[in-house]
N, C-alpha and C. Protein backbone atom coordinates (compact mmCIF):
# COMPACT_ATOMS: atom_id res chain seq x y z
N MET A 1 34.00 131.43 60.78
CA MET A 1 33.80 130.22 61.50
C MET A 1 33.65 129.04 60.54
N ARG A 2 33.05 129.37 59.40
CA ARG A 2 32.85 128.32 58.42
C ARG A 2 34.17 127.82 57.85
N ALA A 3 35.22 128.67 57.87
CA ALA A 3 36.51 128.27 57.32
C ALA A 3 37.20 127.24 58.21
N LEU A 4 36.92 127.25 59.51
CA LEU A 4 37.53 126.27 60.42
C LEU A 4 36.93 124.88 60.27
N ILE A 5 35.75 124.79 59.76
CA ILE A 5 35.10 123.50 59.60
C ILE A 5 35.62 122.80 58.34
N ASN A 6 36.25 123.53 57.48
CA ASN A 6 36.77 122.97 56.25
C ASN A 6 37.77 121.85 56.59
N PRO A 7 37.63 120.65 56.02
CA PRO A 7 38.52 119.53 56.33
C PRO A 7 39.99 119.82 56.00
N TRP A 8 40.26 120.67 55.03
CA TRP A 8 41.62 120.96 54.66
C TRP A 8 42.30 121.81 55.74
N VAL A 9 41.53 122.69 56.37
CA VAL A 9 42.08 123.52 57.45
C VAL A 9 42.38 122.64 58.67
N ILE A 10 41.45 121.72 58.96
CA ILE A 10 41.67 120.80 60.10
C ILE A 10 42.90 119.93 59.83
N LEU A 11 43.04 119.44 58.60
CA LEU A 11 44.21 118.63 58.24
C LEU A 11 45.50 119.45 58.37
N ALA A 12 45.47 120.71 57.95
CA ALA A 12 46.66 121.56 58.06
C ALA A 12 47.03 121.79 59.52
N ILE A 13 46.03 121.98 60.40
CA ILE A 13 46.32 122.18 61.83
C ILE A 13 46.92 120.92 62.43
N ILE A 14 46.38 119.76 62.09
CA ILE A 14 46.90 118.48 62.61
C ILE A 14 48.34 118.26 62.13
N LEU A 15 48.59 118.55 60.84
CA LEU A 15 49.95 118.38 60.32
C LEU A 15 50.92 119.36 60.97
N ALA A 16 50.48 120.59 61.24
CA ALA A 16 51.34 121.58 61.89
C ALA A 16 51.69 121.13 63.31
N LEU A 17 50.69 120.65 64.04
CA LEU A 17 50.96 120.15 65.40
C LEU A 17 51.89 118.93 65.37
N GLY A 18 51.69 118.02 64.44
CA GLY A 18 52.55 116.84 64.31
C GLY A 18 53.97 117.23 63.95
N GLY A 19 54.12 118.19 63.04
CA GLY A 19 55.44 118.64 62.65
C GLY A 19 56.16 119.33 63.80
N ALA A 20 55.43 120.13 64.57
CA ALA A 20 56.05 120.82 65.72
C ALA A 20 56.48 119.80 66.77
N THR A 21 55.65 118.78 67.00
CA THR A 21 56.00 117.74 67.97
C THR A 21 57.24 116.97 67.52
N THR A 22 57.27 116.60 66.25
CA THR A 22 58.42 115.86 65.72
C THR A 22 59.69 116.71 65.77
N ALA A 23 59.60 117.98 65.40
CA ALA A 23 60.76 118.86 65.45
C ALA A 23 61.26 119.03 66.88
N GLY A 24 60.37 119.17 67.84
CA GLY A 24 60.77 119.29 69.24
C GLY A 24 61.43 118.03 69.76
N TYR A 25 60.88 116.88 69.36
CA TYR A 25 61.47 115.59 69.78
C TYR A 25 62.88 115.44 69.21
N LEU A 26 63.03 115.73 67.93
CA LEU A 26 64.35 115.59 67.30
C LEU A 26 65.35 116.58 67.88
N ARG A 27 64.90 117.79 68.17
CA ARG A 27 65.79 118.79 68.79
C ARG A 27 66.24 118.32 70.18
N GLY A 28 65.32 117.75 70.94
CA GLY A 28 65.65 117.24 72.27
C GLY A 28 66.66 116.10 72.20
N ARG A 29 66.49 115.19 71.24
CA ARG A 29 67.46 114.09 71.07
C ARG A 29 68.83 114.63 70.70
N HIS A 30 68.84 115.64 69.82
CA HIS A 30 70.12 116.23 69.41
C HIS A 30 70.82 116.87 70.60
N ASP A 31 70.09 117.63 71.39
CA ASP A 31 70.68 118.27 72.57
C ASP A 31 71.19 117.23 73.56
N GLU A 32 70.45 116.15 73.73
CA GLU A 32 70.87 115.09 74.66
C GLU A 32 72.14 114.41 74.15
N ASN A 33 72.22 114.17 72.83
CA ASN A 33 73.43 113.56 72.26
C ASN A 33 74.64 114.47 72.43
N VAL A 34 74.46 115.77 72.23
CA VAL A 34 75.56 116.71 72.42
C VAL A 34 76.02 116.70 73.87
N GLU A 35 75.08 116.66 74.81
CA GLU A 35 75.43 116.62 76.22
C GLU A 35 76.16 115.33 76.58
N MET A 36 75.70 114.21 76.03
CA MET A 36 76.37 112.93 76.30
C MET A 36 77.78 112.92 75.75
N LEU A 37 77.98 113.49 74.56
CA LEU A 37 79.33 113.55 73.98
C LEU A 37 80.25 114.43 74.82
N ALA A 38 79.72 115.54 75.33
CA ALA A 38 80.52 116.42 76.19
C ALA A 38 80.91 115.70 77.48
N ASP A 39 79.96 114.96 78.07
CA ASP A 39 80.26 114.20 79.28
C ASP A 39 81.30 113.11 79.01
N ALA A 40 81.18 112.44 77.87
CA ALA A 40 82.15 111.40 77.52
C ALA A 40 83.55 112.01 77.34
N GLN A 41 83.62 113.19 76.73
CA GLN A 41 84.91 113.85 76.55
C GLN A 41 85.52 114.23 77.89
N LYS A 42 84.69 114.76 78.80
CA LYS A 42 85.19 115.09 80.15
C LYS A 42 85.70 113.84 80.85
N GLN A 43 84.96 112.75 80.71
CA GLN A 43 85.36 111.51 81.37
C GLN A 43 86.69 111.00 80.80
N ARG A 44 86.86 111.06 79.47
CA ARG A 44 88.13 110.64 78.87
C ARG A 44 89.28 111.52 79.34
N THR A 45 89.04 112.82 79.44
CA THR A 45 90.08 113.74 79.90
C THR A 45 90.48 113.42 81.34
N MET A 46 89.48 113.22 82.20
CA MET A 46 89.77 112.88 83.60
C MET A 46 90.49 111.54 83.71
N GLN A 47 90.09 110.58 82.90
CA GLN A 47 90.74 109.27 82.92
C GLN A 47 92.20 109.39 82.49
N ASP A 48 92.48 110.21 81.48
CA ASP A 48 93.86 110.42 81.04
C ASP A 48 94.69 111.07 82.13
N VAL A 49 94.11 112.04 82.84
CA VAL A 49 94.83 112.72 83.93
C VAL A 49 95.11 111.73 85.06
N ILE A 50 94.13 110.91 85.40
CA ILE A 50 94.31 109.92 86.48
C ILE A 50 95.36 108.89 86.09
N GLU A 51 95.31 108.40 84.85
CA GLU A 51 96.29 107.41 84.41
C GLU A 51 97.70 108.01 84.41
N ALA A 52 97.83 109.27 84.01
CA ALA A 52 99.15 109.90 84.02
C ALA A 52 99.66 110.04 85.46
N GLY A 53 98.77 110.38 86.39
CA GLY A 53 99.18 110.48 87.80
C GLY A 53 99.59 109.15 88.36
N ILE A 54 98.84 108.10 88.03
CA ILE A 54 99.19 106.76 88.51
C ILE A 54 100.53 106.32 87.92
N ALA A 55 100.72 106.57 86.63
CA ALA A 55 101.98 106.18 85.99
C ALA A 55 103.17 106.90 86.62
N LYS A 56 102.98 108.19 86.94
CA LYS A 56 104.05 108.95 87.57
C LYS A 56 104.35 108.40 88.96
N GLY A 57 103.29 108.07 89.73
CA GLY A 57 103.48 107.52 91.07
C GLY A 57 104.15 106.16 91.04
N VAL A 58 103.75 105.31 90.10
CA VAL A 58 104.35 103.97 90.00
C VAL A 58 105.81 104.08 89.59
N SER A 59 106.12 105.03 88.71
CA SER A 59 107.51 105.15 88.26
C SER A 59 108.44 105.63 89.38
N GLN A 60 107.89 106.25 90.42
CA GLN A 60 108.72 106.74 91.52
C GLN A 60 108.92 105.70 92.62
N ILE A 61 108.27 104.55 92.51
CA ILE A 61 108.43 103.50 93.52
C ILE A 61 109.83 102.90 93.37
N LYS A 62 110.54 102.81 94.48
CA LYS A 62 111.87 102.23 94.45
C LYS A 62 111.82 100.88 95.17
N VAL A 63 112.20 99.85 94.47
CA VAL A 63 112.20 98.50 95.03
C VAL A 63 113.51 98.30 95.78
N GLN A 64 113.40 97.78 96.99
CA GLN A 64 114.59 97.56 97.80
C GLN A 64 114.55 96.13 98.31
N ASN A 65 115.55 95.37 97.94
CA ASN A 65 115.66 93.99 98.40
C ASN A 65 116.69 93.92 99.51
N THR A 66 116.32 93.31 100.62
CA THR A 66 117.22 93.18 101.75
C THR A 66 117.34 91.70 102.09
N THR A 67 118.55 91.25 102.23
CA THR A 67 118.78 89.84 102.55
C THR A 67 119.29 89.73 103.97
N ILE A 68 118.61 88.94 104.79
CA ILE A 68 119.06 88.68 106.16
C ILE A 68 119.33 87.19 106.33
N LYS A 69 119.44 86.51 105.23
CA LYS A 69 119.53 85.06 105.24
C LYS A 69 120.74 84.55 106.04
N GLN A 70 121.92 85.09 105.79
CA GLN A 70 123.12 84.54 106.41
C GLN A 70 123.11 84.72 107.93
N ASN A 71 122.80 85.91 108.41
CA ASN A 71 122.80 86.13 109.85
C ASN A 71 121.71 85.30 110.53
N LEU A 72 120.54 85.24 109.94
CA LEU A 72 119.44 84.50 110.55
C LEU A 72 119.68 83.00 110.49
N GLU A 73 120.33 82.50 109.43
CA GLU A 73 120.65 81.08 109.37
C GLU A 73 121.61 80.69 110.49
N THR A 74 122.57 81.55 110.79
CA THR A 74 123.53 81.26 111.85
C THR A 74 122.81 81.19 113.19
N ILE A 75 121.93 82.14 113.45
CA ILE A 75 121.20 82.14 114.72
C ILE A 75 120.29 80.92 114.81
N THR A 76 119.63 80.59 113.72
CA THR A 76 118.71 79.45 113.73
C THR A 76 119.46 78.14 113.95
N ARG A 77 120.62 78.02 113.35
CA ARG A 77 121.40 76.78 113.49
C ARG A 77 121.94 76.65 114.91
N GLU A 78 122.31 77.77 115.56
CA GLU A 78 122.91 77.71 116.88
C GLU A 78 121.87 77.64 117.99
N ASN A 79 120.66 78.04 117.75
CA ASN A 79 119.65 78.12 118.80
C ASN A 79 118.45 77.28 118.37
N THR A 80 118.15 76.24 119.12
CA THR A 80 117.10 75.31 118.73
C THR A 80 115.70 75.80 119.09
N VAL A 81 115.58 76.93 119.75
CA VAL A 81 114.26 77.42 120.13
C VAL A 81 113.42 77.77 118.90
N TYR A 82 114.07 77.94 117.74
CA TYR A 82 113.35 78.33 116.54
C TYR A 82 112.52 77.18 115.96
N ARG A 83 112.70 76.00 116.47
CA ARG A 83 111.85 74.90 116.03
C ARG A 83 110.41 75.14 116.47
N ASP A 84 110.22 75.93 117.53
CA ASP A 84 108.89 76.28 118.02
C ASP A 84 108.39 77.59 117.41
N CYS A 85 109.10 78.12 116.43
CA CYS A 85 108.74 79.37 115.74
C CYS A 85 108.67 80.55 116.69
N LYS A 86 109.65 80.69 117.56
CA LYS A 86 109.74 81.84 118.45
C LYS A 86 111.01 82.60 118.12
N LEU A 87 110.94 83.92 118.17
CA LEU A 87 112.10 84.75 117.87
C LEU A 87 112.70 85.31 119.16
N ASP A 88 114.06 85.28 119.23
CA ASP A 88 114.72 85.95 120.34
C ASP A 88 114.96 87.40 119.92
N PRO A 89 115.42 88.25 120.82
CA PRO A 89 115.60 89.68 120.48
C PRO A 89 116.54 89.93 119.31
N VAL A 90 117.57 89.11 119.14
CA VAL A 90 118.52 89.32 118.04
C VAL A 90 117.85 89.05 116.70
N ALA A 91 117.15 87.92 116.61
CA ALA A 91 116.46 87.58 115.36
C ALA A 91 115.35 88.58 115.07
N ARG A 92 114.65 89.01 116.12
CA ARG A 92 113.58 89.99 115.94
C ARG A 92 114.18 91.30 115.41
N GLY A 93 115.37 91.68 115.91
CA GLY A 93 116.04 92.88 115.43
C GLY A 93 116.42 92.77 113.96
N LEU A 94 116.93 91.59 113.54
CA LEU A 94 117.28 91.38 112.14
C LEU A 94 116.04 91.47 111.25
N LEU A 95 114.96 90.85 111.69
CA LEU A 95 113.73 90.86 110.92
C LEU A 95 113.15 92.28 110.83
N ASP A 96 113.14 92.98 111.96
CA ASP A 96 112.62 94.35 111.94
C ASP A 96 113.48 95.25 111.06
N ALA A 97 114.79 95.07 111.09
CA ALA A 97 115.68 95.87 110.26
C ALA A 97 115.40 95.62 108.78
N ALA A 98 115.16 94.36 108.43
CA ALA A 98 114.87 94.03 107.03
C ALA A 98 113.54 94.63 106.61
N LEU A 99 112.54 94.58 107.48
CA LEU A 99 111.22 95.12 107.14
C LEU A 99 111.25 96.64 107.03
N GLU A 100 112.07 97.30 107.83
CA GLU A 100 112.15 98.76 107.81
C GLU A 100 113.12 99.27 106.74
N GLY A 101 113.92 98.40 106.17
CA GLY A 101 114.84 98.79 105.11
C GLY A 101 116.11 99.44 105.62
N ARG A 102 116.51 99.14 106.83
CA ARG A 102 117.75 99.71 107.35
C ARG A 102 118.75 98.57 107.55
N ALA A 103 120.01 98.96 107.74
CA ALA A 103 121.06 97.96 107.91
C ALA A 103 120.91 97.29 109.28
N ALA A 104 121.09 95.99 109.29
CA ALA A 104 120.99 95.23 110.53
C ALA A 104 122.26 95.40 111.34
N SER A 105 122.13 95.46 112.66
CA SER A 105 123.31 95.56 113.51
C SER A 105 124.03 94.21 113.53
N ALA A 106 125.27 94.25 113.88
CA ALA A 106 126.08 93.02 113.88
C ALA A 106 125.53 92.03 114.90
N VAL A 107 125.60 90.77 114.56
CA VAL A 107 125.09 89.71 115.43
C VAL A 107 126.16 89.40 116.47
N ASP A 108 125.75 89.31 117.72
CA ASP A 108 126.67 88.99 118.81
C ASP A 108 126.82 87.48 118.88
N HIS A 109 127.97 86.98 118.42
CA HIS A 109 128.22 85.54 118.45
C HIS A 109 128.88 85.10 119.75
N GLY A 110 128.99 85.99 120.73
CA GLY A 110 129.62 85.65 122.00
C GLY A 110 128.71 84.82 122.91
N ILE A 111 127.42 84.77 122.64
CA ILE A 111 126.48 84.03 123.47
C ILE A 111 126.38 82.61 122.94
N VAL A 112 126.68 81.66 123.78
CA VAL A 112 126.57 80.26 123.41
C VAL A 112 125.29 79.72 124.02
N PRO A 113 124.41 79.11 123.24
CA PRO A 113 123.17 78.59 123.81
C PRO A 113 123.45 77.44 124.77
N ALA A 114 122.57 77.32 125.74
CA ALA A 114 122.72 76.24 126.72
C ALA A 114 122.53 74.89 126.05
N THR A 115 123.21 73.90 126.61
CA THR A 115 123.07 72.55 126.06
C THR A 115 121.75 71.94 126.50
N ASP A 116 121.18 71.16 125.63
CA ASP A 116 119.90 70.52 125.92
C ASP A 116 120.12 69.02 125.78
N PRO A 117 120.05 68.25 126.87
CA PRO A 117 120.30 66.82 126.76
C PRO A 117 119.25 66.09 125.94
N ALA A 118 118.09 66.70 125.73
CA ALA A 118 117.04 66.04 124.95
C ALA A 118 117.38 66.00 123.48
N ASP A 119 118.23 66.92 123.02
CA ASP A 119 118.58 66.95 121.59
C ASP A 119 119.67 65.94 121.40
């Protein structure tokens, strides 16, 4: 019992406890850093996979330009109702065909609009 009262023994116990605490703290930081690096690597891998998928999807997009200008200009010039921003069935068909990406049917030029004395 007398040996435990010795100041050198008490100092050795305090230093041993301090060293164990410091070693445990440093080991915990090391383990946390390893875990963070593994998570960062997983995130980079997933990001690369996502970017490759997006690039593949974007490369498969096909741009299609459709012009309905000539047919619609003829209808607009011949029919004054378009000043009120209203579409008749023929113009609506041309517009829908352009939006859907299909060929527009031929415009029937046999219909002559009624005369309007106000114009």
